[in-house]
Amino acid sequence: MSDSTAIGMVSASLRKLLLEEFRLCPAPKVTILAPDEQGLDRRLNLFLYKLVENPFLKNQDWTAQGDGIVPPPLSLTLFYVLTSYAPNDDQMGNVTAQQLLGEAMRIFSEHATIPTRYLESGLHAARERLNIVSDESGWEELTNLWSAFSQPFRLSVPYRVSTVQIDRSPDGSHPVPKRVRRVGVPEPRVSFKPPVITEMTGAGTELAFTGTHLGGWQVSIWFGGIPLAAGGPLTGDTFTCPLPPGLAPGLYEVRVEISGMFRRTFLYEAAP
């Protein structure tokens, strides 16, 4: 990956590739000019006329950087038009320009991936290789290009170079989302301790009850199915209730309820 100067470095790398690999003598100059800009009579020209973002690499995952995450780099495909210039011969016409263009096409074909030795230094750490491909779909655009510059058509070949990646600015990073430490259904927990009656004793003319966490709750008692007491709130973990008068000897059920949250039935035996 590279910074925002990567586009210019790709053009410079293509120029270096053509200059170093050209076999015809004398070797032509290689320029990077617009079609309407004047240059030397005998030369090759590379003109960058379009850039398109790669839609597939655009959807790459975000990556960690420091304390945050950054979006994927800007991935571009560059579209060039390669044109040859040479003075016309009275009899052979533009044969020289054809020879120059043919040699340039040979170079791009043999070095479809730009060798590292020809890359600008800022591209050496690039993750993606730079591939050169003839763009067969660009002929209509090529015709429109010459018309746009009001220039007569010259023998040219469209190429595309991919993929050029430009790093995002660190200022565009986002903080890392908090990690989920535990996955699953949370364990339910009671936020309070429920009231519980643990013991009942009969002493004389009253019943005594003992429990835990009883303070503040309402109590209801049934003795043999007859309501005996309903009151509260309780002030502690013990309380008493008087027995009904004239109780006949026998075995009785004593049901105790605490605010609808706790119920328990005890047995009480009345002696003769």
C-alpha atoms as a PDB file:
ATOM      1  CA  MET A   1       0.000   0.000   0.000  1.00  0.00           C
ATOM      2  CA  SER A   2       1.100   3.577  -0.622  1.00  0.00           C
ATOM      3  CA  ASP A   3       0.162   7.163   0.008  1.00  0.00           C
ATOM      4  CA  SER A   4      -1.762   9.467  -2.301  1.00  0.00           C
ATOM      5  CA  THR A   5       1.274   9.943  -4.594  1.00  0.00           C
ATOM      6  CA  ALA A   6       0.992   6.313  -5.751  1.00  0.00           C
ATOM      7  CA  ILE A   7      -0.822   7.229  -8.971  1.00  0.00           C
ATOM      8  CA  GLY A   8       2.031   9.403 -10.169  1.00  0.00           C
ATOM      9  CA  MET A   9       4.548   6.750  -9.106  1.00  0.00           C
ATOM     10  CA  VAL A  10       2.779   4.154 -11.262  1.00  0.00           C
ATOM     11  CA  SER A  11       3.076   6.418 -14.318  1.00  0.00           C
ATOM     12  CA  ALA A  12       6.762   6.979 -13.562  1.00  0.00           C
ATOM     13  CA  SER A  13       7.306   3.216 -13.175  1.00  0.00           C
ATOM     14  CA  LEU A  14       5.699   2.496 -16.556  1.00  0.00           C
ATOM     15  CA  ARG A  15       7.922   5.113 -18.162  1.00  0.00           C
ATOM     16  CA  LYS A  16      11.027   3.573 -16.576  1.00  0.00           C
ATOM     17  CA  LEU A  17       9.997   0.107 -17.803  1.00  0.00           C
ATOM     18  CA  LEU A  18       9.705   1.344 -21.400  1.00  0.00           C
ATOM     19  CA  LEU A  19      13.002   3.243 -21.292  1.00  0.00           C
ATOM     20  CA  GLU A  20      15.011   0.350 -19.831  1.00  0.00           C
ATOM     21  CA  GLU A  21      13.567  -2.457 -21.963  1.00  0.00           C
ATOM     22  CA  PHE A  22      13.453  -0.730 -25.363  1.00  0.00           C
ATOM     23  CA  ARG A  23      15.637  -2.559 -27.927  1.00  0.00           C
ATOM     24  CA  LEU A  24      15.224  -0.462 -31.069  1.00  0.00           C
ATOM     25  CA  CYS A  25      17.927   2.055 -31.845  1.00  0.00           C
ATOM     26  CA  PRO A  26      17.838   4.861 -31.381  1.00  0.00           C
ATOM     27  CA  ALA A  27      15.507   4.508 -28.404  1.00  0.00           C
ATOM     28  CA  PRO A  28      12.688   7.059 -28.344  1.00  0.00           C
ATOM     29  CA  LYS A  29      11.889   9.437 -25.559  1.00  0.00           C
ATOM     30  CA  VAL A  30       8.988   8.473 -23.299  1.00  0.00           C
ATOM     31  CA  THR A  31       6.667  11.244 -22.134  1.00  0.00           C
ATOM     32  CA  ILE A  32       3.624  11.463 -19.876  1.00  0.00           C
ATOM     33  CA  LEU A  33       1.656  14.230 -21.571  1.00  0.00           C
ATOM     34  CA  ALA A  34      -1.911  14.923 -22.639  1.00  0.00           C
ATOM     35  CA  PRO A  35      -2.639  14.355 -26.352  1.00  0.00           C
ATOM     36  CA  ASP A  36      -2.859  18.100 -26.990  1.00  0.00           C
ATOM     37  CA  GLU A  37       0.507  18.879 -25.359  1.00  0.00           C
ATOM     38  CA  GLN A  38       3.518  19.285 -27.617  1.00  0.00           C
ATOM     39  CA  GLY A  39       6.465  16.920 -27.295  1.00  0.00           C
ATOM     40  CA  LEU A  40       9.377  15.568 -29.288  1.00  0.00           C
ATOM     41  CA  ASP A  41       8.751  14.297 -32.804  1.00  0.00           C
ATOM     42  CA  ARG A  42      10.003  10.756 -32.066  1.00  0.00           C
ATOM     43  CA  ARG A  43       8.555   9.479 -28.837  1.00  0.00           C
ATOM     44  CA  LEU A  44       6.142   7.254 -26.951  1.00  0.00           C
ATOM     45  CA  ASN A  45       3.508   8.890 -24.811  1.00  0.00           C
ATOM     46  CA  LEU A  46       1.524   7.493 -21.866  1.00  0.00           C
ATOM     47  CA  PHE A  47      -1.619   9.398 -20.973  1.00  0.00           C
ATOM     48  CA  LEU A  48      -3.711   8.515 -17.917  1.00  0.00           C
ATOM     49  CA  TYR A  49      -7.292   9.258 -18.934  1.00  0.00           C
ATOM     50  CA  LYS A  50      -9.434   7.425 -16.360  1.00  0.00           C
ATOM     51  CA  LEU A  51      -9.364   5.979 -12.835  1.00  0.00           C
ATOM     52  CA  VAL A  52     -11.944   3.523 -11.458  1.00  0.00           C
ATOM     53  CA  GLU A  53     -12.300   2.204  -7.910  1.00  0.00           C
ATOM     54  CA  ASN A  54     -12.217  -1.591  -7.619  1.00  0.00           C
ATOM     55  CA  PRO A  55     -15.697  -2.602  -6.324  1.00  0.00           C
ATOM     56  CA  PHE A  56     -14.513  -5.954  -4.938  1.00  0.00           C
ATOM     57  CA  LEU A  57     -11.533  -4.752  -2.916  1.00  0.00           C
ATOM     58  CA  LYS A  58     -13.691  -1.903  -1.634  1.00  0.00           C
ATOM     59  CA  ASN A  59     -15.534  -4.445   0.543  1.00  0.00           C
ATOM     60  CA  GLN A  60     -12.446  -5.727   2.367  1.00  0.00           C
ATOM     61  CA  ASP A  61     -12.532  -5.959   6.155  1.00  0.00           C
ATOM     62  CA  TRP A  62     -11.417  -3.064   8.318  1.00  0.00           C
ATOM     63  CA  THR A  63      -7.995  -3.589   9.918  1.00  0.00           C
ATOM     64  CA  ALA A  64      -6.599  -2.752  13.337  1.00  0.00           C
ATOM     65  CA  GLN A  65      -4.228   0.209  13.576  1.00  0.00           C
ATOM     66  CA  GLY A  66      -3.061   1.335  16.997  1.00  0.00           C
ATOM     67  CA  ASP A  67      -6.054   1.752  19.282  1.00  0.00           C
ATOM     68  CA  GLY A  68      -8.557   1.892  16.434  1.00  0.00           C
ATOM     69  CA  ILE A  69      -9.612   0.317  13.154  1.00  0.00           C
ATOM     70  CA  VAL A  70      -9.277   1.801   9.672  1.00  0.00           C
ATOM     71  CA  PRO A  71     -11.269   1.123   6.491  1.00  0.00           C
ATOM     72  CA  PRO A  72      -9.658  -0.785   3.603  1.00  0.00           C
ATOM     73  CA  PRO A  73      -7.317   1.156   1.303  1.00  0.00           C
ATOM     74  CA  LEU A  74      -8.610   2.936  -1.767  1.00  0.00           C
ATOM     75  CA  SER A  75      -8.055   0.383  -4.578  1.00  0.00           C
ATOM     76  CA  LEU A  76      -7.886   1.820  -8.097  1.00  0.00           C
ATOM     77  CA  THR A  77      -7.566   0.638 -11.676  1.00  0.00           C
ATOM     78  CA  LEU A  78      -5.716   3.103 -13.942  1.00  0.00           C
ATOM     79  CA  PHE A  79      -6.545   3.443 -17.642  1.00  0.00           C
ATOM     80  CA  TYR A  80      -3.822   4.649 -20.016  1.00  0.00           C
ATOM     81  CA  VAL A  81      -3.565   5.286 -23.715  1.00  0.00           C
ATOM     82  CA  LEU A  82      -0.167   4.502 -25.270  1.00  0.00           C
ATOM     83  CA  THR A  83       0.609   6.527 -28.415  1.00  0.00           C
ATOM     84  CA  SER A  84       3.651   6.580 -30.680  1.00  0.00           C
ATOM     85  CA  TYR A  85       4.897   9.695 -32.493  1.00  0.00           C
ATOM     86  CA  ALA A  86       7.364   9.854 -35.381  1.00  0.00           C
ATOM     87  CA  PRO A  87       7.787  11.996 -38.505  1.00  0.00           C
ATOM     88  CA  ASN A  88       6.035  10.534 -41.530  1.00  0.00           C
ATOM     89  CA  ASP A  89       8.183   9.269 -44.369  1.00  0.00           C
ATOM     90  CA  ASP A  90       7.312  10.422 -47.877  1.00  0.00           C
ATOM     91  CA  GLN A  91       6.976   6.835 -49.048  1.00  0.00           C
ATOM     92  CA  MET A  92       6.610   4.679 -45.897  1.00  0.00           C
ATOM     93  CA  GLY A  93       4.253   6.975 -44.049  1.00  0.00           C
ATOM     94  CA  ASN A  94       4.041   6.265 -40.295  1.00  0.00           C
ATOM     95  CA  VAL A  95       6.012   2.986 -40.346  1.00  0.00           C
ATOM     96  CA  THR A  96       8.420   4.325 -37.723  1.00  0.00           C
ATOM     97  CA  ALA A  97       5.545   5.124 -35.362  1.00  0.00           C
ATOM     98  CA  GLN A  98       4.240   1.602 -35.936  1.00  0.00           C
ATOM     99  CA  GLN A  99       7.635   0.132 -35.049  1.00  0.00           C
ATOM    100  CA  LEU A 100       7.810   2.157 -31.844  1.00  0.00           C
ATOM    101  CA  LEU A 101       4.318   1.117 -30.806  1.00  0.00           C
ATOM    102  CA  GLY A 102       4.990  -2.553 -31.596  1.00  0.00           C
ATOM    103  CA  GLU A 103       8.136  -2.551 -29.455  1.00  0.00           C
ATOM    104  CA  ALA A 104       6.274  -0.889 -26.578  1.00  0.00           C
ATOM    105  CA  MET A 105       3.520  -3.496 -26.809  1.00  0.00           C
ATOM    106  CA  ARG A 106       6.141  -6.264 -26.692  1.00  0.00           C
ATOM    107  CA  ILE A 107       7.562  -4.782 -23.498  1.00  0.00           C
ATOM    108  CA  PHE A 108       4.182  -4.589 -21.804  1.00  0.00           C
ATOM    109  CA  SER A 109       3.362  -8.141 -22.914  1.00  0.00           C
ATOM    110  CA  GLU A 110       6.639  -9.622 -21.637  1.00  0.00           C
ATOM    111  CA  HIS A 111       6.420  -7.666 -18.386  1.00  0.00           C
ATOM    112  CA  ALA A 112       2.698  -7.951 -17.699  1.00  0.00           C
ATOM    113  CA  THR A 113       3.556  -7.473 -14.035  1.00  0.00           C
ATOM    114  CA  ILE A 114       5.853  -4.497 -13.510  1.00  0.00           C
ATOM    115  CA  PRO A 115       9.178  -5.880 -12.184  1.00  0.00           C
ATOM    116  CA  THR A 116      10.203  -4.599  -8.768  1.00  0.00           C
ATOM    117  CA  ARG A 117      13.416  -3.115 -10.170  1.00  0.00           C
ATOM    118  CA  TYR A 118      11.374  -0.643 -12.223  1.00  0.00           C
ATOM    119  CA  LEU A 119       8.999   0.374  -9.452  1.00  0.00           C
ATOM    120  CA  GLU A 120       9.347   3.720  -7.753  1.00  0.00           C
ATOM    121  CA  SER A 121      10.617   3.306  -4.186  1.00  0.00           C
ATOM    122  CA  GLY A 122       7.252   4.276  -2.716  1.00  0.00           C
ATOM    123  CA  LEU A 123       5.636   1.234  -4.375  1.00  0.00           C
ATOM    124  CA  HIS A 124       8.035  -1.425  -3.071  1.00  0.00           C
ATOM    125  CA  ALA A 125       5.863  -2.127  -0.017  1.00  0.00           C
ATOM    126  CA  ALA A 126       2.651  -2.383  -2.051  1.00  0.00           C
ATOM    127  CA  ARG A 127       0.517  -5.387  -1.150  1.00  0.00           C
ATOM    128  CA  GLU A 128      -0.907  -5.839  -4.655  1.00  0.00           C
ATOM    129  CA  ARG A 129       1.172  -6.386  -7.782  1.00  0.00           C
ATOM    130  CA  LEU A 130       0.800  -3.938 -10.646  1.00  0.00           C
ATOM    131  CA  ASN A 131      -0.491  -5.798 -13.700  1.00  0.00           C
ATOM    132  CA  ILE A 132      -0.584  -4.361 -17.227  1.00  0.00           C
ATOM    133  CA  VAL A 133      -3.408  -5.573 -19.475  1.00  0.00           C
ATOM    134  CA  SER A 134      -4.508  -4.445 -22.924  1.00  0.00           C
ATOM    135  CA  ASP A 135      -7.977  -2.930 -22.553  1.00  0.00           C
ATOM    136  CA  GLU A 136     -10.062  -4.195 -25.466  1.00  0.00           C
ATOM    137  CA  SER A 137     -13.143  -2.427 -24.142  1.00  0.00           C
ATOM    138  CA  GLY A 138     -11.459   0.969 -24.373  1.00  0.00           C
ATOM    139  CA  TRP A 139     -11.478   1.488 -28.144  1.00  0.00           C
ATOM    140  CA  GLU A 140     -14.669   3.543 -28.192  1.00  0.00           C
ATOM    141  CA  GLU A 141     -13.362   5.718 -25.371  1.00  0.00           C
ATOM    142  CA  LEU A 142     -10.109   6.074 -27.273  1.00  0.00           C
ATOM    143  CA  THR A 143     -11.931   7.486 -30.293  1.00  0.00           C
ATOM    144  CA  ASN A 144     -13.854   9.907 -28.094  1.00  0.00           C
ATOM    145  CA  LEU A 145     -10.612  10.920 -26.395  1.00  0.00           C
ATOM    146  CA  TRP A 146      -9.016  12.222 -29.581  1.00  0.00           C
ATOM    147  CA  SER A 147     -12.225  14.045 -30.470  1.00  0.00           C
ATOM    148  CA  ALA A 148     -12.321  15.702 -27.045  1.00  0.00           C
ATOM    149  CA  PHE A 149      -8.819  17.117 -27.565  1.00  0.00           C
ATOM    150  CA  SER A 150      -9.623  18.181 -31.151  1.00  0.00           C
ATOM    151  CA  GLN A 151      -6.647  16.190 -32.374  1.00  0.00           C
ATOM    152  CA  PRO A 152      -6.392  13.935 -35.426  1.00  0.00           C
ATOM    153  CA  PHE A 153      -6.456  10.269 -34.525  1.00  0.00           C
ATOM    154  CA  ARG A 154      -3.064   8.667 -33.962  1.00  0.00           C
ATOM    155  CA  LEU A 155      -2.178   5.015 -33.704  1.00  0.00           C
ATOM    156  CA  SER A 156      -2.750   4.163 -30.042  1.00  0.00           C
ATOM    157  CA  VAL A 157      -3.394   1.236 -27.698  1.00  0.00           C
ATOM    158  CA  PRO A 158      -5.474   1.408 -24.494  1.00  0.00           C
ATOM    159  CA  TYR A 159      -4.124  -0.290 -21.348  1.00  0.00           C
ATOM    160  CA  ARG A 160      -5.286  -0.713 -17.801  1.00  0.00           C
ATOM    161  CA  VAL A 161      -3.027  -1.121 -14.760  1.00  0.00           C
ATOM    162  CA  SER A 162      -4.292  -2.636 -11.530  1.00  0.00           C
ATOM    163  CA  THR A 163      -4.375  -2.632  -8.600  1.00  0.00           C
ATOM    164  CA  VAL A 164      -3.092   0.611  -7.094  1.00  0.00           C
ATOM    165  CA  GLN A 165      -3.847   0.916  -3.376  1.00  0.00           C
ATOM    166  CA  ILE A 166      -3.767   4.167  -1.427  1.00  0.00           C
ATOM    167  CA  ASP A 167      -3.703   4.103   2.372  1.00  0.00           C
ATOM    168  CA  ARG A 168      -6.474   5.813   4.275  1.00  0.00           C
ATOM    169  CA  SER A 169      -5.538   8.700   6.525  1.00  0.00           C
ATOM    170  CA  PRO A 170      -4.991   7.669  10.188  1.00  0.00           C
ATOM    171  CA  ASP A 171      -7.370  10.512  11.101  1.00  0.00           C
ATOM    172  CA  GLY A 172     -10.199   8.446   9.623  1.00  0.00           C
ATOM    173  CA  SER A 173      -9.793   5.572  12.090  1.00  0.00           C
ATOM    174  CA  HIS A 174     -12.567   4.573  14.474  1.00  0.00           C
ATOM    175  CA  PRO A 175     -12.203   3.313  18.046  1.00  0.00           C
ATOM    176  CA  VAL A 176     -12.214  -0.457  18.424  1.00  0.00           C
ATOM    177  CA  PRO A 177     -15.665  -1.698  19.519  1.00  0.00           C
ATOM    178  CA  LYS A 178     -15.817  -3.255  22.958  1.00  0.00           C
ATOM    179  CA  ARG A 179     -15.399  -7.004  22.883  1.00  0.00           C
ATOM    180  CA  VAL A 180     -18.170  -9.294  24.074  1.00  0.00           C
ATOM    181  CA  ARG A 181     -16.606 -11.139  26.966  1.00  0.00           C
ATOM    182  CA  ARG A 182     -19.380 -13.718  27.293  1.00  0.00           C
ATOM    183  CA  VAL A 183     -21.759 -15.111  24.717  1.00  0.00           C
ATOM    184  CA  GLY A 184     -25.069 -16.749  25.620  1.00  0.00           C
ATOM    185  CA  VAL A 185     -28.108 -16.263  27.794  1.00  0.00           C
ATOM    186  CA  PRO A 186     -27.260 -14.333  30.964  1.00  0.00           C
ATOM    187  CA  GLU A 187     -27.745 -16.237  34.185  1.00  0.00           C
ATOM    188  CA  PRO A 188     -30.893 -15.023  35.982  1.00  0.00           C
ATOM    189  CA  ARG A 189     -30.215 -13.726  39.444  1.00  0.00           C
ATOM    190  CA  VAL A 190     -32.596 -12.680  42.199  1.00  0.00           C
ATOM    191  CA  SER A 191     -31.988  -9.111  43.196  1.00  0.00           C
ATOM    192  CA  PHE A 192     -33.296  -9.705  46.736  1.00  0.00           C
ATOM    193  CA  LYS A 193     -33.423 -12.473  49.336  1.00  0.00           C
ATOM    194  CA  PRO A 194     -36.961 -13.911  49.638  1.00  0.00           C
ATOM    195  CA  PRO A 195     -38.664 -14.394  53.017  1.00  0.00           C
ATOM    196  CA  VAL A 196     -38.586 -17.914  54.462  1.00  0.00           C
ATOM    197  CA  ILE A 197     -40.221 -19.398  57.607  1.00  0.00           C
ATOM    198  CA  THR A 198     -38.102 -22.203  58.972  1.00  0.00           C
ATOM    199  CA  GLU A 199     -39.819 -23.195  62.234  1.00  0.00           C
ATOM    200  CA  MET A 200     -43.096 -23.082  64.175  1.00  0.00           C
ATOM    201  CA  THR A 201     -43.492 -23.871  67.883  1.00  0.00           C
ATOM    202  CA  GLY A 202     -46.525 -23.898  70.166  1.00  0.00           C
ATOM    203  CA  ALA A 203     -46.151 -22.497  73.622  1.00  0.00           C
ATOM    204  CA  GLY A 204     -49.153 -21.931  75.907  1.00  0.00           C
ATOM    205  CA  THR A 205     -51.830 -19.942  74.140  1.00  0.00           C
ATOM    206  CA  GLU A 206     -49.827 -18.799  71.102  1.00  0.00           C
ATOM    207  CA  LEU A 207     -47.792 -19.978  68.151  1.00  0.00           C
ATOM    208  CA  ALA A 208     -44.241 -18.741  67.573  1.00  0.00           C
ATOM    209  CA  PHE A 209     -42.673 -18.559  64.103  1.00  0.00           C
ATOM    210  CA  THR A 210     -39.026 -18.157  63.149  1.00  0.00           C
ATOM    211  CA  GLY A 211     -37.549 -17.440  59.712  1.00  0.00           C
ATOM    212  CA  THR A 212     -35.167 -15.308  57.655  1.00  0.00           C
ATOM    213  CA  HIS A 213     -35.610 -12.045  55.750  1.00  0.00           C
ATOM    214  CA  LEU A 214     -39.112 -11.542  57.165  1.00  0.00           C
ATOM    215  CA  GLY A 215     -38.825  -7.882  58.096  1.00  0.00           C
ATOM    216  CA  GLY A 216     -41.147  -5.574  56.155  1.00  0.00           C
ATOM    217  CA  TRP A 217     -43.411  -8.296  54.706  1.00  0.00           C
ATOM    218  CA  GLN A 218     -47.114  -8.985  55.351  1.00  0.00           C
ATOM    219  CA  VAL A 219     -48.116 -12.297  57.022  1.00  0.00           C
ATOM    220  CA  SER A 220     -51.361 -14.318  56.811  1.00  0.00           C
ATOM    221  CA  ILE A 221     -52.127 -17.427  58.929  1.00  0.00           C
ATOM    222  CA  TRP A 222     -54.891 -20.041  58.592  1.00  0.00           C
ATOM    223  CA  PHE A 223     -55.526 -22.480  61.428  1.00  0.00           C
ATOM    224  CA  GLY A 224     -57.521 -25.521  60.322  1.00  0.00           C
ATOM    225  CA  GLY A 225     -58.731 -23.565  57.281  1.00  0.00           C
ATOM    226  CA  ILE A 226     -59.956 -20.629  59.368  1.00  0.00           C
ATOM    227  CA  PRO A 227     -58.179 -17.268  58.981  1.00  0.00           C
ATOM    228  CA  LEU A 228     -56.368 -16.660  62.203  1.00  0.00           C
ATOM    229  CA  ALA A 229     -54.291 -13.559  61.589  1.00  0.00           C
ATOM    230  CA  ALA A 230     -53.435 -11.090  58.864  1.00  0.00           C
ATOM    231  CA  GLY A 231     -51.193  -8.215  59.633  1.00  0.00           C
ATOM    232  CA  GLY A 232     -47.810  -6.689  59.384  1.00  0.00           C
ATOM    233  CA  PRO A 233     -45.536  -5.574  58.170  1.00  0.00           C
ATOM    234  CA  LEU A 234     -43.251  -7.765  60.255  1.00  0.00           C
ATOM    235  CA  THR A 235     -40.454  -6.076  62.130  1.00  0.00           C
ATOM    236  CA  GLY A 236     -38.047  -8.975  62.478  1.00  0.00           C
ATOM    237  CA  ASP A 237     -37.376 -12.630  61.802  1.00  0.00           C
ATOM    238  CA  THR A 238     -39.663 -13.877  64.628  1.00  0.00           C
ATOM    239  CA  PHE A 239     -43.336 -13.269  65.333  1.00  0.00           C
ATOM    240  CA  THR A 240     -46.199 -14.835  67.333  1.00  0.00           C
ATOM    241  CA  CYS A 241     -49.886 -15.499  66.792  1.00  0.00           C
ATOM    242  CA  PRO A 242     -52.516 -16.373  69.481  1.00  0.00           C
ATOM    243  CA  LEU A 243     -54.275 -19.732  69.263  1.00  0.00           C
ATOM    244  CA  PRO A 244     -58.036 -19.721  68.772  1.00  0.00           C
ATOM    245  CA  PRO A 245     -59.963 -19.962  72.085  1.00  0.00           C
ATOM    246  CA  GLY A 246     -61.729 -23.187  73.122  1.00  0.00           C
ATOM    247  CA  LEU A 247     -59.536 -25.328  70.915  1.00  0.00           C
ATOM    248  CA  ALA A 248     -60.599 -28.991  70.974  1.00  0.00           C
ATOM    249  CA  PRO A 249     -57.911 -31.670  71.220  1.00  0.00           C
ATOM    250  CA  GLY A 250     -56.648 -32.950  67.849  1.00  0.00           C
ATOM    251  CA  LEU A 251     -54.254 -32.414  64.934  1.00  0.00           C
ATOM    252  CA  TYR A 252     -54.581 -29.156  62.973  1.00  0.00           C
ATOM    253  CA  GLU A 253     -52.972 -27.727  59.827  1.00  0.00           C
ATOM    254  CA  VAL A 254     -51.403 -24.306  60.194  1.00  0.00           C
ATOM    255  CA  ARG A 255     -50.766 -22.557  56.861  1.00  0.00           C
ATOM    256  CA  VAL A 256     -48.564 -19.476  56.774  1.00  0.00           C
ATOM    257  CA  GLU A 257     -48.188 -17.107  53.805  1.00  0.00           C
ATOM    258  CA  ILE A 258     -45.736 -14.199  53.463  1.00  0.00           C
ATOM    259  CA  SER A 259     -46.894 -11.561  50.938  1.00  0.00           C
ATOM    260  CA  GLY A 260     -47.723 -14.225  48.342  1.00  0.00           C
ATOM    261  CA  MET A 261     -44.046 -15.139  47.954  1.00  0.00           C
ATOM    262  CA  PHE A 262     -43.743 -17.890  50.540  1.00  0.00           C
ATOM    263  CA  ARG A 263     -46.184 -20.528  51.768  1.00  0.00           C
ATOM    264  CA  ARG A 264     -45.697 -23.338  54.234  1.00  0.00           C
ATOM    265  CA  THR A 265     -47.975 -25.716  56.125  1.00  0.00           C
ATOM    266  CA  PHE A 266     -47.160 -26.889  59.638  1.00  0.00           C
ATOM    267  CA  LEU A 267     -48.957 -29.443  61.860  1.00  0.00           C
ATOM    268  CA  TYR A 268     -50.073 -28.517  65.346  1.00  0.00           C
ATOM    269  CA  GLU A 269     -51.363 -31.022  67.877  1.00  0.00           C
ATOM    270  CA  ALA A 270     -53.698 -29.729  70.596  1.00  0.00           C
ATOM    271  CA  ALA A 271     -53.443 -31.834  73.744  1.00  0.00           C
ATOM    272  CA  PRO A 272     -56.549 -32.803  75.764  1.00  0.00           C
END
